[in-house]
Amino acid sequence: MLSAEVRNLYESSGAPLYVGILAHAYMNRAEEDLLLLAQRGYVVGGLVRFLESVDSGAWETLGAVRSSLVS
């Protein structure tokens, strides 16, 4: 467990927002790569559905992080 002081320092540093933005960028890259694979004839439907489920949850987390940093 992190102490309250360390946790507050981490949360106020902007790191959670940076990590969320970075994760979203990688998700976009993964979607583009899957599109290229699909165009080449690979079956990627399961991976696309997985990325969509992860991405939908990520926006909720990113929004929560962003609002906590702004307040």
PDB file of N, CA and C in Angstrom:
ATOM      1  N   MET A   1       0.841  -1.180   0.000  1.00  0.00           N
ATOM      2  CA  MET A   1       0.000   0.000   0.000  1.00  0.00           C
ATOM      3  C   MET A   1       0.886   1.243   0.000  1.00  0.00           C
ATOM      4  N   LEU A   2       0.452   2.216  -0.764  1.00  0.00           N
ATOM      5  CA  LEU A   2       1.135   3.500  -0.780  1.00  0.00           C
ATOM      6  C   LEU A   2       0.585   4.380   0.334  1.00  0.00           C
ATOM      7  N   SER A   3       1.453   5.180   0.891  1.00  0.00           N
ATOM      8  CA  SER A   3       0.986   6.121   1.900  1.00  0.00           C
ATOM      9  C   SER A   3       0.093   7.165   1.226  1.00  0.00           C
ATOM     10  N   ALA A   4      -0.719   7.824   2.020  1.00  0.00           N
ATOM     11  CA  ALA A   4      -1.609   8.853   1.488  1.00  0.00           C
ATOM     12  C   ALA A   4      -0.789   9.974   0.859  1.00  0.00           C
ATOM     13  N   GLU A   5       0.362  10.293   1.435  1.00  0.00           N
ATOM     14  CA  GLU A   5       1.212  11.357   0.902  1.00  0.00           C
ATOM     15  C   GLU A   5       1.739  10.999  -0.487  1.00  0.00           C
ATOM     16  N   VAL A   6       2.208   9.770  -0.649  1.00  0.00           N
ATOM     17  CA  VAL A   6       2.740   9.334  -1.944  1.00  0.00           C
ATOM     18  C   VAL A   6       1.618   9.275  -2.970  1.00  0.00           C
ATOM     19  N   ARG A   7       0.471   8.761  -2.577  1.00  0.00           N
ATOM     20  CA  ARG A   7      -0.669   8.668  -3.492  1.00  0.00           C
ATOM     21  C   ARG A   7      -1.109  10.058  -3.945  1.00  0.00           C
ATOM     22  N   ASN A   8      -1.192  11.007  -3.011  1.00  0.00           N
ATOM     23  CA  ASN A   8      -1.584  12.374  -3.364  1.00  0.00           C
ATOM     24  C   ASN A   8      -0.559  13.023  -4.282  1.00  0.00           C
ATOM     25  N   LEU A   9       0.722  12.772  -4.026  1.00  0.00           N
ATOM     26  CA  LEU A   9       1.766  13.320  -4.882  1.00  0.00           C
ATOM     27  C   LEU A   9       1.646  12.781  -6.307  1.00  0.00           C
ATOM     28  N   TYR A  10       1.414  11.462  -6.423  1.00  0.00           N
ATOM     29  CA  TYR A  10       1.246  10.839  -7.737  1.00  0.00           C
ATOM     30  C   TYR A  10       0.041  11.422  -8.463  1.00  0.00           C
ATOM     31  N   GLU A  11      -1.081  11.500  -7.786  1.00  0.00           N
ATOM     32  CA  GLU A  11      -2.308  11.985  -8.415  1.00  0.00           C
ATOM     33  C   GLU A  11      -2.199  13.450  -8.821  1.00  0.00           C
ATOM     34  N   SER A  12      -1.481  14.256  -8.067  1.00  0.00           N
ATOM     35  CA  SER A  12      -1.361  15.678  -8.403  1.00  0.00           C
ATOM     36  C   SER A  12      -0.259  15.948  -9.424  1.00  0.00           C
ATOM     37  N   SER A  13       0.537  14.944  -9.753  1.00  0.00           N
ATOM     38  CA  SER A  13       1.650  15.137 -10.679  1.00  0.00           C
ATOM     39  C   SER A  13       1.222  15.201 -12.141  1.00  0.00           C
ATOM     40  N   GLY A  14       0.034  14.747 -12.440  1.00  0.00           N
ATOM     41  CA  GLY A  14      -0.417  14.681 -13.829  1.00  0.00           C
ATOM     42  C   GLY A  14      -0.108  13.336 -14.469  1.00  0.00           C
ATOM     43  N   ALA A  15       0.572  12.459 -13.751  1.00  0.00           N
ATOM     44  CA  ALA A  15       0.940  11.154 -14.298  1.00  0.00           C
ATOM     45  C   ALA A  15      -0.279  10.315 -14.697  1.00  0.00           C
ATOM     46  N   PRO A  16      -1.350  10.282 -13.896  1.00  0.00           N
ATOM     47  CA  PRO A  16      -2.501   9.473 -14.317  1.00  0.00           C
ATOM     48  C   PRO A  16      -3.078   9.921 -15.659  1.00  0.00           C
ATOM     49  N   LEU A  17      -3.151  11.217 -15.884  1.00  0.00           N
ATOM     50  CA  LEU A  17      -3.669  11.718 -17.160  1.00  0.00           C
ATOM     51  C   LEU A  17      -2.720  11.360 -18.299  1.00  0.00           C
ATOM     52  N   TYR A  18      -1.427  11.509 -18.073  1.00  0.00           N
ATOM     53  CA  TYR A  18      -0.431  11.168 -19.092  1.00  0.00           C
ATOM     54  C   TYR A  18      -0.534   9.690 -19.461  1.00  0.00           C
ATOM     55  N   VAL A  19      -0.667   8.837 -18.473  1.00  0.00           N
ATOM     56  CA  VAL A  19      -0.770   7.402 -18.730  1.00  0.00           C
ATOM     57  C   VAL A  19      -2.037   7.094 -19.514  1.00  0.00           C
ATOM     58  N   GLY A  20      -3.140   7.758 -19.176  1.00  0.00           N
ATOM     59  CA  GLY A  20      -4.383   7.550 -19.912  1.00  0.00           C
ATOM     60  C   GLY A  20      -4.268   7.965 -21.366  1.00  0.00           C
ATOM     61  N   ILE A  21      -3.629   9.098 -21.608  1.00  0.00           N
ATOM     62  CA  ILE A  21      -3.445   9.576 -22.983  1.00  0.00           C
ATOM     63  C   ILE A  21      -2.537   8.634 -23.752  1.00  0.00           C
ATOM     64  N   LEU A  22      -1.471   8.189 -23.124  1.00  0.00           N
ATOM     65  CA  LEU A  22      -0.545   7.262 -23.758  1.00  0.00           C
ATOM     66  C   LEU A  22      -1.236   5.942 -24.099  1.00  0.00           C
ATOM     67  N   ALA A  23      -2.023   5.428 -23.169  1.00  0.00           N
ATOM     68  CA  ALA A  23      -2.749   4.185 -23.421  1.00  0.00           C
ATOM     69  C   ALA A  23      -3.718   4.347 -24.583  1.00  0.00           C
ATOM     70  N   HIS A  24      -4.391   5.483 -24.645  1.00  0.00           N
ATOM     71  CA  HIS A  24      -5.330   5.707 -25.744  1.00  0.00           C
ATOM     72  C   HIS A  24      -4.604   5.771 -27.087  1.00  0.00           C
ATOM     73  N   ALA A  25      -3.440   6.384 -27.094  1.00  0.00           N
ATOM     74  CA  ALA A  25      -2.660   6.449 -28.337  1.00  0.00           C
ATOM     75  C   ALA A  25      -2.270   5.056 -28.806  1.00  0.00           C
ATOM     76  N   TYR A  26      -1.872   4.198 -27.881  1.00  0.00           N
ATOM     77  CA  TYR A  26      -1.517   2.830 -28.250  1.00  0.00           C
ATOM     78  C   TYR A  26      -2.738   2.044 -28.723  1.00  0.00           C
ATOM     79  N   MET A  27      -3.900   2.338 -28.129  1.00  0.00           N
ATOM     80  CA  MET A  27      -5.121   1.669 -28.572  1.00  0.00           C
ATOM     81  C   MET A  27      -5.435   2.064 -30.011  1.00  0.00           C
ATOM     82  N   ASN A  28      -5.284   3.337 -30.328  1.00  0.00           N
ATOM     83  CA  ASN A  28      -5.528   3.781 -31.703  1.00  0.00           C
ATOM     84  C   ASN A  28      -4.580   3.091 -32.666  1.00  0.00           C
ATOM     85  N   ARG A  29      -3.336   2.953 -32.284  1.00  0.00           N
ATOM     86  CA  ARG A  29      -2.343   2.284 -33.137  1.00  0.00           C
ATOM     87  C   ARG A  29      -2.726   0.814 -33.338  1.00  0.00           C
ATOM     88  N   ALA A  30      -3.172   0.165 -32.276  1.00  0.00           N
ATOM     89  CA  ALA A  30      -3.581  -1.239 -32.379  1.00  0.00           C
ATOM     90  C   ALA A  30      -4.768  -1.388 -33.323  1.00  0.00           C
ATOM     91  N   GLU A  31      -5.722  -0.452 -33.253  1.00  0.00           N
ATOM     92  CA  GLU A  31      -6.877  -0.507 -34.151  1.00  0.00           C
ATOM     93  C   GLU A  31      -6.442  -0.344 -35.606  1.00  0.00           C
ATOM     94  N   GLU A  32      -5.511   0.569 -35.855  1.00  0.00           N
ATOM     95  CA  GLU A  32      -5.008   0.761 -37.221  1.00  0.00           C
ATOM     96  C   GLU A  32      -4.300  -0.495 -37.718  1.00  0.00           C
ATOM     97  N   ASP A  33      -3.514  -1.125 -36.867  1.00  0.00           N
ATOM     98  CA  ASP A  33      -2.816  -2.359 -37.247  1.00  0.00           C
ATOM     99  C   ASP A  33      -3.804  -3.485 -37.545  1.00  0.00           C
ATOM    100  N   LEU A  34      -4.872  -3.581 -36.737  1.00  0.00           N
ATOM    101  CA  LEU A  34      -5.876  -4.612 -36.989  1.00  0.00           C
ATOM    102  C   LEU A  34      -6.593  -4.363 -38.309  1.00  0.00           C
ATOM    103  N   LEU A  35      -6.838  -3.110 -38.632  1.00  0.00           N
ATOM    104  CA  LEU A  35      -7.472  -2.781 -39.908  1.00  0.00           C
ATOM    105  C   LEU A  35      -6.587  -3.247 -41.070  1.00  0.00           C
ATOM    106  N   LEU A  36      -5.285  -2.993 -40.974  1.00  0.00           N
ATOM    107  CA  LEU A  36      -4.370  -3.445 -42.021  1.00  0.00           C
ATOM    108  C   LEU A  36      -4.362  -4.968 -42.142  1.00  0.00           C
ATOM    109  N   LEU A  37      -4.371  -5.654 -41.004  1.00  0.00           N
ATOM    110  CA  LEU A  37      -4.407  -7.120 -41.042  1.00  0.00           C
ATOM    111  C   LEU A  37      -5.700  -7.617 -41.682  1.00  0.00           C
ATOM    112  N   ALA A  38      -6.816  -6.976 -41.349  1.00  0.00           N
ATOM    113  CA  ALA A  38      -8.103  -7.376 -41.928  1.00  0.00           C
ATOM    114  C   ALA A  38      -8.101  -7.163 -43.434  1.00  0.00           C
ATOM    115  N   GLN A  39      -7.498  -6.077 -43.880  1.00  0.00           N
ATOM    116  CA  GLN A  39      -7.426  -5.810 -45.314  1.00  0.00           C
ATOM    117  C   GLN A  39      -6.572  -6.847 -46.031  1.00  0.00           C
ATOM    118  N   ARG A  40      -5.675  -7.474 -45.320  1.00  0.00           N
ATOM    119  CA  ARG A  40      -4.829  -8.515 -45.907  1.00  0.00           C
ATOM    120  C   ARG A  40      -5.439  -9.904 -45.771  1.00  0.00           C
ATOM    121  N   GLY A  41      -6.656  -9.959 -45.233  1.00  0.00           N
ATOM    122  CA  GLY A  41      -7.372 -11.220 -45.182  1.00  0.00           C
ATOM    123  C   GLY A  41      -7.324 -11.966 -43.870  1.00  0.00           C
ATOM    124  N   TYR A  42      -6.702 -11.410 -42.853  1.00  0.00           N
ATOM    125  CA  TYR A  42      -6.650 -12.076 -41.553  1.00  0.00           C
ATOM    126  C   TYR A  42      -7.969 -11.883 -40.822  1.00  0.00           C
ATOM    127  N   VAL A  43      -8.357 -12.865 -40.036  1.00  0.00           N
ATOM    128  CA  VAL A  43      -9.571 -12.797 -39.235  1.00  0.00           C
ATOM    129  C   VAL A  43      -9.216 -12.115 -37.909  1.00  0.00           C
ATOM    130  N   VAL A  44      -9.755 -10.929 -37.700  1.00  0.00           N
ATOM    131  CA  VAL A  44      -9.397 -10.152 -36.520  1.00  0.00           C
ATOM    132  C   VAL A  44     -10.610  -9.728 -35.696  1.00  0.00           C
ATOM    133  N   GLY A  45     -11.772 -10.281 -36.010  1.00  0.00           N
ATOM    134  CA  GLY A  45     -13.007  -9.861 -35.344  1.00  0.00           C
ATOM    135  C   GLY A  45     -12.947  -9.958 -33.833  1.00  0.00           C
ATOM    136  N   GLY A  46     -12.400 -11.038 -33.301  1.00  0.00           N
ATOM    137  CA  GLY A  46     -12.304 -11.199 -31.853  1.00  0.00           C
ATOM    138  C   GLY A  46     -11.414 -10.148 -31.221  1.00  0.00           C
ATOM    139  N   LEU A  47     -10.305  -9.855 -31.871  1.00  0.00           N
ATOM    140  CA  LEU A  47      -9.404  -8.825 -31.346  1.00  0.00           C
ATOM    141  C   LEU A  47     -10.022  -7.440 -31.426  1.00  0.00           C
ATOM    142  N   VAL A  48     -10.765  -7.175 -32.486  1.00  0.00           N
ATOM    143  CA  VAL A  48     -11.440  -5.877 -32.621  1.00  0.00           C
ATOM    144  C   VAL A  48     -12.450  -5.703 -31.501  1.00  0.00           C
ATOM    145  N   ARG A  49     -13.248  -6.741 -31.240  1.00  0.00           N
ATOM    146  CA  ARG A  49     -14.238  -6.656 -30.157  1.00  0.00           C
ATOM    147  C   ARG A  49     -13.560  -6.459 -28.810  1.00  0.00           C
ATOM    148  N   PHE A  50     -12.435  -7.129 -28.591  1.00  0.00           N
ATOM    149  CA  PHE A  50     -11.698  -6.969 -27.340  1.00  0.00           C
ATOM    150  C   PHE A  50     -11.208  -5.521 -27.193  1.00  0.00           C
ATOM    151  N   LEU A  51     -10.604  -4.970 -28.245  1.00  0.00           N
ATOM    152  CA  LEU A  51     -10.127  -3.595 -28.178  1.00  0.00           C
ATOM    153  C   LEU A  51     -11.271  -2.613 -27.952  1.00  0.00           C
ATOM    154  N   GLU A  52     -12.402  -2.864 -28.584  1.00  0.00           N
ATOM    155  CA  GLU A  52     -13.551  -1.986 -28.386  1.00  0.00           C
ATOM    156  C   GLU A  52     -14.017  -2.011 -26.938  1.00  0.00           C
ATOM    157  N   SER A  53     -14.016  -3.189 -26.317  1.00  0.00           N
ATOM    158  CA  SER A  53     -14.450  -3.281 -24.916  1.00  0.00           C
ATOM    159  C   SER A  53     -13.460  -2.584 -23.991  1.00  0.00           C
ATOM    160  N   VAL A  54     -12.173  -2.728 -24.278  1.00  0.00           N
ATOM    161  CA  VAL A  54     -11.158  -2.061 -23.462  1.00  0.00           C
ATOM    162  C   VAL A  54     -11.248  -0.556 -23.663  1.00  0.00           C
ATOM    163  N   ASP A  55     -11.417  -0.128 -24.897  1.00  0.00           N
ATOM    164  CA  ASP A  55     -11.459   1.296 -25.210  1.00  0.00           C
ATOM    165  C   ASP A  55     -12.666   1.975 -24.570  1.00  0.00           C
ATOM    166  N   SER A  56     -13.810   1.309 -24.544  1.00  0.00           N
ATOM    167  CA  SER A  56     -14.993   1.934 -23.948  1.00  0.00           C
ATOM    168  C   SER A  56     -14.795   2.158 -22.461  1.00  0.00           C
ATOM    169  N   GLY A  57     -14.127   1.241 -21.785  1.00  0.00           N
ATOM    170  CA  GLY A  57     -13.826   1.431 -20.362  1.00  0.00           C
ATOM    171  C   GLY A  57     -12.753   2.465 -20.131  1.00  0.00           C
ATOM    172  N   ALA A  58     -11.843   2.595 -21.076  1.00  0.00           N
ATOM    173  CA  ALA A  58     -10.740   3.547 -20.918  1.00  0.00           C
ATOM    174  C   ALA A  58     -11.235   4.975 -20.925  1.00  0.00           C
ATOM    175  N   TRP A  59     -12.243   5.286 -21.745  1.00  0.00           N
ATOM    176  CA  TRP A  59     -12.748   6.656 -21.794  1.00  0.00           C
ATOM    177  C   TRP A  59     -13.353   7.053 -20.465  1.00  0.00           C
ATOM    178  N   GLU A  60     -14.025   6.117 -19.792  1.00  0.00           N
ATOM    179  CA  GLU A  60     -14.591   6.412 -18.477  1.00  0.00           C
ATOM    180  C   GLU A  60     -13.477   6.720 -17.485  1.00  0.00           C
ATOM    181  N   THR A  61     -12.419   5.912 -17.504  1.00  0.00           N
ATOM    182  CA  THR A  61     -11.296   6.114 -16.591  1.00  0.00           C
ATOM    183  C   THR A  61     -10.577   7.408 -16.901  1.00  0.00           C
ATOM    184  N   LEU A  62     -10.337   7.664 -18.176  1.00  0.00           N
ATOM    185  CA  LEU A  62      -9.643   8.889 -18.571  1.00  0.00           C
ATOM    186  C   LEU A  62     -10.454  10.113 -18.160  1.00  0.00           C
ATOM    187  N   GLY A  63     -11.756  10.059 -18.336  1.00  0.00           N
ATOM    188  CA  GLY A  63     -12.603  11.181 -17.924  1.00  0.00           C
ATOM    189  C   GLY A  63     -12.559  11.411 -16.434  1.00  0.00           C
ATOM    190  N   ALA A  64     -12.549  10.343 -15.644  1.00  0.00           N
ATOM    191  CA  ALA A  64     -12.482  10.469 -14.196  1.00  0.00           C
ATOM    192  C   ALA A  64     -11.144  11.059 -13.760  1.00  0.00           C
ATOM    193  N   VAL A  65     -10.070  10.612 -14.379  1.00  0.00           N
ATOM    194  CA  VAL A  65      -8.741  11.131 -14.048  1.00  0.00           C
ATOM    195  C   VAL A  65      -8.653  12.602 -14.398  1.00  0.00           C
ATOM    196  N   ARG A  66      -9.118  12.959 -15.594  1.00  0.00           N
ATOM    197  CA  ARG A  66      -9.064  14.336 -16.056  1.00  0.00           C
ATOM    198  C   ARG A  66      -9.844  15.246 -15.118  1.00  0.00           C
ATOM    199  N   SER A  67     -11.041  14.837 -14.717  1.00  0.00           N
ATOM    200  CA  SER A  67     -11.855  15.695 -13.854  1.00  0.00           C
ATOM    201  C   SER A  67     -11.249  15.832 -12.475  1.00  0.00           C
ATOM    202  N   SER A  68     -10.571  14.798 -11.972  1.00  0.00           N
ATOM    203  CA  SER A  68      -9.945  14.907 -10.652  1.00  0.00           C
ATOM    204  C   SER A  68      -8.740  15.833 -10.682  1.00  0.00           C
ATOM    205  N   LEU A  69      -8.051  15.926 -11.826  1.00  0.00           N
ATOM    206  CA  LEU A  69      -6.898  16.812 -11.926  1.00  0.00           C
ATOM    207  C   LEU A  69      -7.322  18.265 -12.096  1.00  0.00           C
ATOM    208  N   VAL A  70      -8.451  18.483 -12.744  1.00  0.00           N
ATOM    209  CA  VAL A  70      -8.918  19.837 -12.993  1.00  0.00           C
ATOM    210  C   VAL A  70      -9.501  20.452 -11.726  1.00  0.00           C
ATOM    211  N   SER A  71     -10.136  19.622 -10.902  1.00  0.00           N
ATOM    212  CA  SER A  71     -10.807  20.163  -9.701  1.00  0.00           C
ATOM    213  C   SER A  71      -9.841  20.538  -8.611  1.00  0.00           C
TER     214      SER A  71
END
